[in-house]
Each structure stands twice: as structure tokens, then as C-alpha cells.
Amino acid sequence: MVSDVLIVPPSWRSQLEKAGYAIYNHSAVEICHWTKKSLKDKGDCYKNRFYRVDTWGCMQITQAVIWCPNRCIYCWRPNEEFESNIYMLPKEKVDPPEVTLEELRKLRKELLIGFKGNSIVNKDKLDKTLEKPTHITFSLAGEPLLYPYVPESILYIKKNWPWVKSIFVVTNGLVPEALERMVKLNAYPTQLYISFTAPNPELYKKISRSLYIDYWERFIKSLKIASKMKTRRVARITIIKGLNDARKLFEQWIELLDILNPHFIEVKAFMLLGYSRYRLSIVNMPSHKYIVQWSKEFVEHLDGFEYWDEHKHSRVALLKNRKFGMDIDPIIKSVEPNV
């Protein structure tokens, strides 16, 4: 452990723990709603449906829990209060990868141990995942790539946690330096998500409210770097009715997608949850029917893509890039469309 390590301030720690997070210095882990449902055999998340991820085996983490360069209006967290240090967290003040990962794994076990007393929990699933998560997602809160050792974290997992089947990284695309280091160290996740919040810099500023002056240049640079990375790439478009859903914006979305060249596009509804309720309203939240309609209209303008699947409970639709076929990762070989 670093002697002068960054820590989550007590006021923030209290809020996060009440929300179900377990905190270790600047890092956090949570057992998500869908993992709890899956452990009770009551359903799985869209990542299971789309990519065959073990929902019950998921370990959702972040190593920069209250640090983010954006203040997105659709974020359910009170991001106006996030730490103002928006650049890469100082190397001398963060825990090394092996420490943060192993401590978060211990905390995850502590969060799960109470399920042993639940009579409706699938004991076989719980026993398998209690100490050995099969899927790791770098997301949760903050911007995960602000932690300077995400590439090393990926390498550590691959070397020391052989039971892990898949690693997902979710980023807002404003930390191209981290993607460059992934390439340099040959530290690739199974899947890289980049959030698409707006198709042009003006709307991006309005929706994501970035603290970076050069936010658009950073975003475009990340798309260019990611397009050449040896990983499955997913563009996640969050639709906010009345803000970024106009059909006249289709061509601008496509220009960005052409840069990234993703394997998949997820079109997801903004959900009116948490602190987003203070910035937006119910009229901004699309129904699942609206997401499906928007996606099917959009895919007609996309060269080489097809409508592939959907997950009603999460209000998300999946578009697939035909040119990659299905033989792009063992996890999704032989997957048939569900629509």
C-alpha cells in the first residue's frame, strides 16, 4: 500500500457505501442489480444475452471512483461534487494494480457472503463465484482510465486469475493516453466500450459538460487509437429524447462510427435515475419501443450493419457489423441473433 495514497473523502465514502459500494482507498466494487438477480436465477443482464458473459460471475470495479473529466447530465451520480483533479491520477499516490485488484476481490467476497443465508440463491453459482469472478468490468463510477495502471491491471488479471473468461473496459474516450499504453504493453481487454454521448462538439459540451478544453480532440484521438486495437470494440450510444435523437443527426453519428469501426453498436436509453432527475425529466427517457424504432431506422443508414438483438428490461438494442462475422472472440462464437 502507498503511504500517502489517494482516498475517497469520508462524506463521499458514506454516500457510496449506502449505495452498495465497497471502497478501498481510491477504488470501489459493487454487486450490481443484475448479478443479484442472476444468483437467484431470476434473469440475466444484456451483456449475457449479447456476449454470453456470466452475469452471476461479474466483478464490476473502478480504480478512480470519484474522478472524471465529464459532468454528464444523464449521469445518476452527483458528479457536480466529483473531485476536480481530472487528469491521470498521480502514480505516486495510487495503489499498485495487484493491491487494488486483490483488495477489491476480498471486498466483493464480503458483499456476496451474505447471500449464503438466502434460501433462493443458486448455491452452485455462488460457490463458483464467491472468490473467483469470471467476468471483470472496469466501469462503475468515475472514469476508470484515469487510474494510471489499467493496462497493468489487465495483464495482472490475465496472468494471475486464470478463471476469468472476459474483461470489459468502459471509457468516455477522453483518456487516449491510456489506450496508447494498452497498445504499447499489448494489454487488451476482451471488449472495449466507448461512450458516444453526442455526434458533434456542440452537443457534446451541452450533454457531457466536459472539464477538458480539448474534449473533442481527445475523443476523436481515442476513436482513432481504438480502431486499431486488437480487441472487440463497442460504441455505446445513449439516447436522450429531445437532445441527441434527431434523425438529422444520423450522418454525424455515422462519421464518428466510421472512425472507430466497431464490431457492435449498442443503442441504449437514458434512464431517469438518481441525480439525473435534477437535470432531466421523464420526457427525456425513451421507451424500449422508441429505442428499437430509432435503432432500426438508424441501421438503414449504416453500411454493413444489421439489427441483431435487444434487451427489453435494459432498453437497449444491438447492431452488428457484418464484416467481422462471428469468429471474433471465443465468447461469442456461434451466437445466433435473438430477433
Protein backbone atom coordinates (compact mmCIF):
# COMPACT_ATOMS: atom_id res chain seq x y z
CA MET A 1 0.00 0.00 0.00
CA VAL A 2 1.22 3.51 -0.82
CA SER A 3 1.92 5.60 2.31
CA ASP A 4 0.26 8.78 1.01
CA VAL A 5 -2.40 7.13 -1.11
CA LEU A 6 -5.45 8.90 -2.50
CA ILE A 7 -8.59 8.10 -0.58
CA VAL A 8 -12.29 8.76 -1.03
CA PRO A 9 -13.25 11.55 1.41
CA PRO A 10 -15.50 10.41 4.32
CA SER A 11 -18.60 12.25 3.04
CA TRP A 12 -18.31 10.59 -0.36
CA ARG A 13 -17.44 7.22 1.16
CA SER A 14 -20.62 7.31 3.23
CA GLN A 15 -22.76 8.05 0.15
CA LEU A 16 -21.14 5.31 -1.90
CA GLU A 17 -21.39 2.69 0.83
CA LYS A 18 -25.08 3.49 1.30
CA ALA A 19 -25.47 2.87 -2.44
CA GLY A 20 -23.93 -0.59 -2.05
CA TYR A 21 -20.30 0.12 -2.97
CA ALA A 22 -17.33 -1.28 -1.07
CA ILE A 23 -14.39 1.15 -1.03
CA TYR A 24 -10.65 0.59 -0.88
CA ASN A 25 -8.78 3.91 -0.91
CA HIS A 26 -9.50 5.33 -4.41
CA SER A 27 -11.11 2.14 -5.78
CA ALA A 28 -14.54 0.54 -5.49
CA VAL A 29 -16.51 -2.61 -6.25
CA GLU A 30 -20.25 -3.25 -6.34
CA ILE A 31 -22.59 -6.21 -6.76
CA CYS A 32 -24.99 -4.94 -9.39
CA HIS A 33 -28.74 -5.46 -9.55
CA TRP A 34 -28.44 -7.98 -12.38
CA THR A 35 -25.76 -10.06 -10.63
CA LYS A 36 -28.07 -10.38 -7.62
CA LYS A 37 -30.95 -11.43 -9.89
CA SER A 38 -28.78 -13.97 -11.71
CA LEU A 39 -27.62 -15.54 -8.44
CA LYS A 40 -31.32 -16.11 -7.69
CA ASP A 41 -31.97 -17.48 -11.20
CA LYS A 42 -34.31 -14.57 -11.87
CA GLY A 43 -32.74 -13.21 -15.04
CA ASP A 44 -29.51 -12.03 -16.63
CA CYS A 45 -28.23 -8.72 -17.94
CA TYR A 46 -27.99 -7.72 -21.58
CA LYS A 47 -24.26 -8.48 -21.58
CA ASN A 48 -25.15 -12.12 -21.02
CA ARG A 49 -27.72 -12.04 -23.81
CA PHE A 50 -25.47 -10.21 -26.26
CA TYR A 51 -21.98 -11.51 -25.39
CA ARG A 52 -22.56 -14.59 -23.18
CA VAL A 53 -20.97 -13.03 -20.10
CA ASP A 54 -21.65 -14.81 -16.79
CA THR A 55 -23.91 -12.26 -15.09
CA TRP A 56 -23.65 -14.14 -11.81
CA GLY A 57 -19.84 -14.12 -12.06
CA CYS A 58 -19.40 -10.40 -12.69
CA MET A 59 -17.00 -8.18 -10.73
CA GLN A 60 -17.73 -4.54 -11.53
CA ILE A 61 -14.94 -2.22 -10.40
CA THR A 62 -13.35 1.16 -10.80
CA GLN A 63 -9.95 2.35 -9.62
CA ALA A 64 -10.91 6.03 -9.91
CA VAL A 65 -14.32 6.07 -8.26
CA ILE A 66 -14.86 9.84 -7.88
CA TRP A 67 -12.60 11.16 -10.59
CA CYS A 68 -13.99 12.02 -14.03
CA PRO A 69 -13.37 14.77 -16.62
CA ASN A 70 -17.07 14.96 -17.53
CA ARG A 71 -20.19 16.09 -15.70
CA CYS A 72 -22.73 14.32 -17.91
CA ILE A 73 -26.29 15.48 -17.40
CA TYR A 74 -27.60 11.91 -17.70
CA CYS A 75 -25.29 10.51 -15.01
CA TRP A 76 -27.19 9.17 -11.99
CA ARG A 77 -24.35 10.17 -9.66
CA PRO A 78 -23.90 13.62 -8.03
CA ASN A 79 -20.99 14.29 -10.39
CA GLU A 80 -21.03 18.03 -9.74
CA GLU A 81 -19.28 17.10 -6.49
CA PHE A 82 -16.68 14.82 -8.08
CA GLU A 83 -13.03 15.58 -7.38
CA SER A 84 -11.78 18.40 -9.61
CA ASN A 85 -8.47 16.70 -10.41
CA ILE A 86 -9.47 15.48 -13.87
CA TYR A 87 -6.11 14.36 -15.18
CA MET A 88 -4.40 10.99 -14.72
CA LEU A 89 -4.23 10.17 -11.03
CA PRO A 90 -0.65 10.62 -9.78
CA LYS A 91 1.28 7.36 -9.92
CA GLU A 92 2.95 8.04 -6.59
CA LYS A 93 -0.43 8.32 -4.84
CA VAL A 94 -2.31 5.26 -6.07
CA ASP A 95 -2.25 1.61 -5.07
CA PRO A 96 -0.42 -0.71 -7.46
CA PRO A 97 -2.60 -2.99 -9.63
CA GLU A 98 -2.05 -6.17 -7.63
CA VAL A 99 -3.05 -4.43 -4.39
CA THR A 100 -6.18 -2.71 -5.66
CA LEU A 101 -7.40 -5.81 -7.56
CA GLU A 102 -6.84 -8.28 -4.72
CA GLU A 103 -8.36 -5.94 -2.13
CA LEU A 104 -11.40 -5.36 -4.33
CA ARG A 105 -11.78 -9.10 -4.79
CA LYS A 106 -11.80 -9.53 -1.00
CA LEU A 107 -14.39 -6.78 -0.64
CA ARG A 108 -16.53 -8.39 -3.33
CA LYS A 109 -16.48 -11.64 -1.36
CA GLU A 110 -17.61 -9.75 1.75
CA LEU A 111 -20.50 -8.25 -0.22
CA LEU A 112 -21.51 -11.69 -1.51
CA ILE A 113 -21.07 -13.73 1.66
CA GLY A 114 -24.49 -12.73 2.99
CA PHE A 115 -26.13 -14.48 0.05
CA LYS A 116 -25.17 -17.84 1.61
CA GLY A 117 -28.07 -17.45 4.00
CA ASN A 118 -30.58 -16.76 1.26
CA SER A 119 -32.65 -19.87 0.53
CA ILE A 120 -33.48 -18.86 -3.05
CA VAL A 121 -29.88 -18.26 -4.13
CA ASN A 122 -28.35 -20.75 -6.57
CA LYS A 123 -25.67 -22.21 -4.28
CA ASP A 124 -23.67 -23.66 -7.18
CA LYS A 125 -23.34 -20.24 -8.84
CA LEU A 126 -22.46 -18.58 -5.54
CA ASP A 127 -19.83 -21.15 -4.62
CA LYS A 128 -18.21 -20.80 -8.04
CA THR A 129 -18.05 -17.00 -7.99
CA LEU A 130 -17.54 -16.20 -4.31
CA GLU A 131 -13.77 -15.96 -4.62
CA LYS A 132 -13.35 -16.36 -8.37
CA PRO A 133 -15.26 -13.88 -10.55
CA THR A 134 -15.42 -14.98 -14.17
CA HIS A 135 -16.01 -11.54 -15.68
CA ILE A 136 -14.33 -8.24 -14.79
CA THR A 137 -15.73 -4.87 -15.87
CA PHE A 138 -13.78 -1.65 -15.41
CA SER A 139 -16.66 0.86 -15.20
CA LEU A 140 -18.97 1.50 -12.21
CA ALA A 141 -18.23 5.19 -11.47
CA GLY A 142 -15.77 7.91 -12.39
CA GLU A 143 -13.59 7.44 -15.48
CA PRO A 144 -11.72 4.14 -14.95
CA LEU A 145 -8.89 5.06 -17.33
CA LEU A 146 -7.79 7.94 -15.09
CA TYR A 147 -6.15 5.27 -12.94
CA PRO A 148 -2.66 5.10 -14.49
CA TYR A 149 -2.27 1.32 -14.30
CA VAL A 150 -5.32 -0.07 -16.08
CA PRO A 151 -3.13 -1.82 -18.72
CA GLU A 152 -1.07 -3.42 -15.94
CA SER A 153 -4.31 -4.39 -14.19
CA ILE A 154 -5.48 -6.22 -17.31
CA LEU A 155 -2.16 -8.05 -17.55
CA TYR A 156 -2.30 -8.96 -13.86
CA ILE A 157 -5.76 -10.49 -14.25
CA LYS A 158 -4.72 -12.49 -17.30
CA LYS A 159 -1.63 -13.83 -15.56
CA ASN A 160 -2.93 -14.44 -12.04
CA TRP A 161 -6.69 -15.03 -12.34
CA PRO A 162 -6.91 -17.86 -14.90
CA TRP A 163 -10.59 -18.45 -14.09
CA VAL A 164 -11.57 -15.09 -15.62
CA LYS A 165 -13.22 -15.56 -19.01
CA SER A 166 -13.68 -11.94 -20.07
CA ILE A 167 -12.56 -8.39 -19.28
CA PHE A 168 -14.57 -5.34 -20.34
CA VAL A 169 -13.33 -1.75 -20.15
CA VAL A 170 -15.78 1.17 -20.40
CA THR A 171 -14.46 4.66 -21.13
CA ASN A 172 -15.79 8.06 -22.15
CA GLY A 173 -12.95 8.27 -24.66
CA LEU A 174 -11.23 11.28 -23.13
CA VAL A 175 -8.09 9.47 -21.95
CA PRO A 176 -6.35 8.48 -25.20
CA GLU A 177 -3.06 8.20 -23.29
CA ALA A 178 -4.41 5.13 -21.51
CA LEU A 179 -5.39 3.48 -24.80
CA GLU A 180 -1.91 4.19 -26.17
CA ARG A 181 -0.40 2.39 -23.17
CA MET A 182 -2.68 -0.61 -23.73
CA VAL A 183 -1.31 -0.86 -27.25
CA LYS A 184 2.27 -0.38 -26.10
CA LEU A 185 2.00 -3.08 -23.42
CA ASN A 186 -0.16 -5.39 -25.53
CA ALA A 187 -2.70 -5.26 -22.70
CA TYR A 188 -6.03 -5.68 -24.41
CA PRO A 189 -9.39 -6.29 -22.74
CA THR A 190 -11.87 -8.70 -24.29
CA GLN A 191 -14.11 -5.76 -25.09
CA LEU A 192 -13.64 -2.01 -25.16
CA TYR A 193 -16.68 0.23 -24.80
CA ILE A 194 -16.52 3.87 -25.84
CA SER A 195 -19.44 6.07 -24.84
CA PHE A 196 -20.98 8.12 -27.64
CA THR A 197 -23.00 10.87 -25.96
CA ALA A 198 -23.26 13.31 -28.86
CA PRO A 199 -22.39 13.38 -32.58
CA ASN A 200 -20.79 16.85 -32.61
CA PRO A 201 -18.73 19.03 -30.25
CA GLU A 202 -21.52 21.50 -29.54
CA LEU A 203 -23.95 18.83 -28.34
CA TYR A 204 -21.16 17.04 -26.50
CA LYS A 205 -20.44 20.16 -24.49
CA LYS A 206 -24.11 20.51 -23.63
CA ILE A 207 -24.63 16.86 -22.63
CA SER A 208 -21.27 15.77 -21.20
CA ARG A 209 -20.18 19.16 -19.84
CA SER A 210 -16.51 18.21 -20.05
CA LEU A 211 -13.94 19.99 -17.93
CA TYR A 212 -11.38 19.49 -20.70
CA ILE A 213 -10.97 22.33 -23.17
CA ASP A 214 -9.80 19.89 -25.85
CA TYR A 215 -12.51 17.30 -25.14
CA TRP A 216 -13.45 16.77 -28.79
CA GLU A 217 -9.86 16.36 -29.96
CA ARG A 218 -9.30 13.81 -27.17
CA PHE A 219 -12.44 11.90 -28.12
CA ILE A 220 -11.52 11.70 -31.81
CA LYS A 221 -7.97 10.64 -30.93
CA SER A 222 -9.34 7.82 -28.77
CA LEU A 223 -11.55 6.61 -31.61
CA LYS A 224 -8.56 6.51 -33.96
CA ILE A 225 -6.38 4.61 -31.49
CA ALA A 226 -9.14 2.17 -30.56
CA SER A 227 -9.92 1.42 -34.21
CA LYS A 228 -6.56 -0.36 -34.49
CA MET A 229 -6.65 -2.13 -31.12
CA LYS A 230 -6.75 -5.93 -31.05
CA THR A 231 -9.98 -6.12 -29.11
CA ARG A 232 -13.71 -6.23 -29.69
CA ARG A 233 -14.95 -2.65 -29.96
CA VAL A 234 -18.41 -1.45 -28.96
CA ALA A 235 -19.83 2.03 -29.45
CA ARG A 236 -22.48 2.76 -26.83
CA ILE A 237 -24.90 5.48 -27.90
CA THR A 238 -27.01 6.79 -25.03
CA ILE A 239 -30.20 8.28 -26.45
CA ILE A 240 -31.76 11.25 -24.63
CA LYS A 241 -35.09 12.24 -26.15
CA GLY A 242 -35.15 15.83 -27.28
CA LEU A 243 -31.38 16.23 -27.14
CA ASN A 244 -29.43 13.80 -29.32
CA ASP A 245 -32.09 11.68 -31.03
CA ALA A 246 -32.93 13.84 -34.06
CA ARG A 247 -32.83 11.88 -37.32
CA LYS A 248 -30.98 14.75 -38.98
CA LEU A 249 -28.00 13.79 -36.79
CA PHE A 250 -27.68 10.31 -38.28
CA GLU A 251 -24.90 11.28 -40.68
CA GLN A 252 -22.88 12.90 -37.90
CA TRP A 253 -23.15 9.76 -35.76
CA ILE A 254 -22.03 7.71 -38.76
CA GLU A 255 -18.94 9.89 -39.32
CA LEU A 256 -17.80 9.09 -35.77
CA LEU A 257 -18.60 5.40 -36.07
CA ASP A 258 -16.60 5.21 -39.29
CA ILE A 259 -13.54 6.32 -37.32
CA LEU A 260 -13.96 3.70 -34.59
CA ASN A 261 -15.01 0.85 -36.92
CA PRO A 262 -16.80 -1.00 -34.09
CA HIS A 263 -17.79 -4.64 -34.04
CA PHE A 264 -21.06 -3.70 -32.36
CA ILE A 265 -23.16 -0.63 -31.60
CA GLU A 266 -25.35 -0.55 -28.52
CA VAL A 267 -28.18 1.96 -28.61
CA LYS A 268 -29.30 2.48 -25.02
CA ALA A 269 -31.98 4.60 -23.41
CA PHE A 270 -31.16 7.28 -20.90
CA MET A 271 -32.68 6.18 -17.60
CA LEU A 272 -34.08 8.74 -15.19
CA LEU A 273 -32.30 7.56 -12.05
CA GLY A 274 -30.52 9.14 -9.10
CA TYR A 275 -29.21 12.64 -9.58
CA SER A 276 -30.09 12.72 -13.28
CA ARG A 277 -33.61 13.56 -12.06
CA TYR A 278 -32.34 17.03 -11.12
CA ARG A 279 -31.02 17.69 -14.64
CA LEU A 280 -33.51 15.95 -16.93
CA SER A 281 -37.12 14.78 -16.80
CA ILE A 282 -39.27 11.80 -17.67
CA VAL A 283 -39.91 13.20 -21.16
CA ASN A 284 -36.21 12.69 -21.93
CA MET A 285 -36.32 8.96 -21.16
CA PRO A 286 -37.03 6.81 -24.24
CA SER A 287 -39.17 3.70 -24.02
CA HIS A 288 -37.78 0.40 -25.25
CA LYS A 289 -40.13 0.62 -28.21
CA TYR A 290 -38.62 4.01 -29.09
CA ILE A 291 -35.06 2.63 -28.85
CA VAL A 292 -35.93 -0.25 -31.17
CA GLN A 293 -37.60 2.08 -33.65
CA TRP A 294 -34.68 4.55 -33.58
CA SER A 295 -32.15 1.73 -33.99
CA LYS A 296 -33.94 0.14 -36.93
CA GLU A 297 -34.19 3.49 -38.70
CA PHE A 298 -30.53 4.24 -37.93
CA VAL A 299 -29.22 0.89 -39.19
CA GLU A 300 -30.81 1.56 -42.57
CA HIS A 301 -28.28 4.40 -42.96
CA LEU A 302 -25.32 2.31 -41.80
CA ASP A 303 -23.26 0.50 -44.40
CA GLY A 304 -22.57 -3.09 -43.38
CA PHE A 305 -24.53 -3.21 -40.14
CA GLU A 306 -27.65 -5.16 -39.22
CA TYR A 307 -30.13 -5.11 -36.37
CA TRP A 308 -29.02 -8.04 -34.21
CA ASP A 309 -30.70 -8.21 -30.81
CA GLU A 310 -32.38 -6.32 -27.97
CA HIS A 311 -32.90 -6.48 -24.21
CA LYS A 312 -36.23 -5.02 -23.18
CA HIS A 313 -35.58 -4.59 -19.45
CA SER A 314 -32.43 -2.56 -20.10
CA ARG A 315 -33.95 -0.65 -23.03
CA VAL A 316 -31.02 -1.44 -25.28
CA ALA A 317 -30.68 -2.62 -28.89
CA LEU A 318 -27.64 -4.19 -30.53
CA LEU A 319 -26.41 -3.51 -34.07
CA LYS A 320 -23.77 -5.82 -35.53
CA ASN A 321 -21.04 -5.10 -38.06
CA ARG A 322 -21.41 -7.82 -40.71
CA LYS A 323 -17.83 -7.67 -41.94
CA PHE A 324 -16.42 -9.10 -38.72
CA GLY A 325 -18.57 -12.22 -38.80
CA MET A 326 -18.93 -14.06 -35.52
CA ASP A 327 -15.44 -15.51 -35.22
CA ILE A 328 -14.01 -12.51 -33.37
CA ASP A 329 -13.84 -13.88 -29.84
CA PRO A 330 -14.45 -17.29 -28.26
CA ILE A 331 -17.15 -15.84 -26.01
CA ILE A 332 -19.49 -15.06 -28.88
CA LYS A 333 -18.70 -17.80 -31.39
CA SER A 334 -21.83 -19.44 -32.77
CA VAL A 335 -24.12 -16.84 -31.22
CA GLU A 336 -27.38 -16.64 -33.12
CA PRO A 337 -29.49 -13.49 -33.29
CA ASN A 338 -32.50 -13.43 -30.99
CA VAL A 339 -34.61 -11.12 -33.14
